[in-house]
C-alpha atoms as a PDB file:
ATOM      1  CA  UNK A   1       0.184  -0.009   0.014  1.00  0.00           C
ATOM      2  CA  UNK A   2       1.304   3.457  -1.120  1.00  0.00           C
ATOM      3  CA  UNK A   3       2.271   5.687   1.873  1.00  0.00           C
ATOM      4  CA  UNK A   4       0.185   8.862   2.237  1.00  0.00           C
ATOM      5  CA  UNK A   5       2.211  12.279   2.252  1.00  0.00           C
ATOM      6  CA  UNK A   6       1.246  15.083   4.643  1.00  0.00           C
ATOM      7  CA  UNK A   7       0.286  17.885   2.311  1.00  0.00           C
ATOM      8  CA  UNK A   8      -0.811  20.346   5.183  1.00  0.00           C
ATOM      9  CA  UNK A   9      -0.814  21.057   8.751  1.00  0.00           C
ATOM     10  CA  UNK A  10      -3.043  23.739  10.312  1.00  0.00           C
ATOM     11  CA  UNK A  11      -4.567  24.934  13.525  1.00  0.00           C
ATOM     12  CA  UNK A  12      -8.385  24.764  13.452  1.00  0.00           C
ATOM     13  CA  UNK A  13     -11.098  25.723  15.771  1.00  0.00           C
ATOM     14  CA  UNK A  14     -13.983  23.742  16.525  1.00  0.00           C
ATOM     15  CA  UNK A  15     -16.052  25.938  14.391  1.00  0.00           C
ATOM     16  CA  UNK A  16     -13.459  25.437  11.515  1.00  0.00           C
ATOM     17  CA  UNK A  17     -13.990  21.494  11.990  1.00  0.00           C
ATOM     18  CA  UNK A  18     -17.833  21.970  11.978  1.00  0.00           C
ATOM     19  CA  UNK A  19     -17.521  23.897   8.580  1.00  0.00           C
ATOM     20  CA  UNK A  20     -15.230  21.070   7.074  1.00  0.00           C
ATOM     21  CA  UNK A  21     -17.754  18.686   7.833  1.00  0.00           C
ATOM     22  CA  UNK A  22     -17.594  14.821   8.031  1.00  0.00           C
ATOM     23  CA  UNK A  23     -15.295  14.598   4.997  1.00  0.00           C
ATOM     24  CA  UNK A  24     -12.245  15.857   7.323  1.00  0.00           C
ATOM     25  CA  UNK A  25     -11.482  12.830   9.092  1.00  0.00           C
ATOM     26  CA  UNK A  26      -7.995  13.241  10.665  1.00  0.00           C
ATOM     27  CA  UNK A  27      -7.534  15.772  13.489  1.00  0.00           C
ATOM     28  CA  UNK A  28      -5.490  15.608  16.616  1.00  0.00           C
ATOM     29  CA  UNK A  29      -6.647  17.969  19.521  1.00  0.00           C
ATOM     30  CA  UNK A  30      -3.973  19.723  21.232  1.00  0.00           C
ATOM     31  CA  UNK A  31      -4.150  21.578  24.636  1.00  0.00           C
ATOM     32  CA  UNK A  32      -4.411  25.222  24.821  1.00  0.00           C
ATOM     33  CA  UNK A  33      -1.265  26.401  26.291  1.00  0.00           C
ATOM     34  CA  UNK A  34       1.576  28.891  25.766  1.00  0.00           C
ATOM     35  CA  UNK A  35       4.301  26.669  24.496  1.00  0.00           C
ATOM     36  CA  UNK A  36       4.163  28.293  21.118  1.00  0.00           C
ATOM     37  CA  UNK A  37       3.172  31.928  21.575  1.00  0.00           C
ATOM     38  CA  UNK A  38       6.547  33.040  20.555  1.00  0.00           C
ATOM     39  CA  UNK A  39       6.576  30.908  17.338  1.00  0.00           C
ATOM     40  CA  UNK A  40       3.043  32.138  16.395  1.00  0.00           C
ATOM     41  CA  UNK A  41       3.998  35.662  17.243  1.00  0.00           C
ATOM     42  CA  UNK A  42       7.112  35.198  14.813  1.00  0.00           C
ATOM     43  CA  UNK A  43       4.827  33.833  12.143  1.00  0.00           C
ATOM     44  CA  UNK A  44       2.290  36.825  12.622  1.00  0.00           C
ATOM     45  CA  UNK A  45       5.108  39.331  12.319  1.00  0.00           C
ATOM     46  CA  UNK A  46       6.641  37.520   9.321  1.00  0.00           C
ATOM     47  CA  UNK A  47       3.123  37.567   7.664  1.00  0.00           C
ATOM     48  CA  UNK A  48       2.795  41.239   8.487  1.00  0.00           C
ATOM     49  CA  UNK A  49       6.234  42.047   7.294  1.00  0.00           C
ATOM     50  CA  UNK A  50       5.600  40.198   3.902  1.00  0.00           C
ATOM     51  CA  UNK A  51       2.134  42.050   3.471  1.00  0.00           C
ATOM     52  CA  UNK A  52       3.946  45.353   4.211  1.00  0.00           C
ATOM     53  CA  UNK A  53       6.466  44.826   1.527  1.00  0.00           C
ATOM     54  CA  UNK A  54       3.866  43.912  -1.132  1.00  0.00           C
ATOM     55  CA  UNK A  55       1.085  46.264  -0.272  1.00  0.00           C
ATOM     56  CA  UNK A  56       2.462  49.187   1.816  1.00  0.00           C
ATOM     57  CA  UNK A  57       2.093  49.883   5.496  1.00  0.00           C
ATOM     58  CA  UNK A  58      -1.770  50.592   5.521  1.00  0.00           C
ATOM     59  CA  UNK A  59      -2.516  46.916   4.359  1.00  0.00           C
ATOM     60  CA  UNK A  60      -0.304  45.456   7.129  1.00  0.00           C
ATOM     61  CA  UNK A  61      -1.924  47.571   9.812  1.00  0.00           C
ATOM     62  CA  UNK A  62      -5.378  45.955   8.558  1.00  0.00           C
ATOM     63  CA  UNK A  63      -4.238  42.565   8.740  1.00  0.00           C
ATOM     64  CA  UNK A  64      -6.381  40.552  11.014  1.00  0.00           C
ATOM     65  CA  UNK A  65      -5.126  38.141  13.471  1.00  0.00           C
ATOM     66  CA  UNK A  66      -7.042  35.468  15.187  1.00  0.00           C
ATOM     67  CA  UNK A  67      -5.653  36.015  18.619  1.00  0.00           C
END
């Protein structure tokens, strides 16, 4: 049997899972803690910097963050 390759990893809320419906079968719950806050902040900062470089400072200031 051929091995399946991971093509995406994401952080989803319960609402996200409800929207995906029953076709989305493989999710692994994680505890809500602060172990990854620094990493998530760095990702948010990198996204904002990229948006700023592409679109200017006004677009970067309006970028919505889930936290």
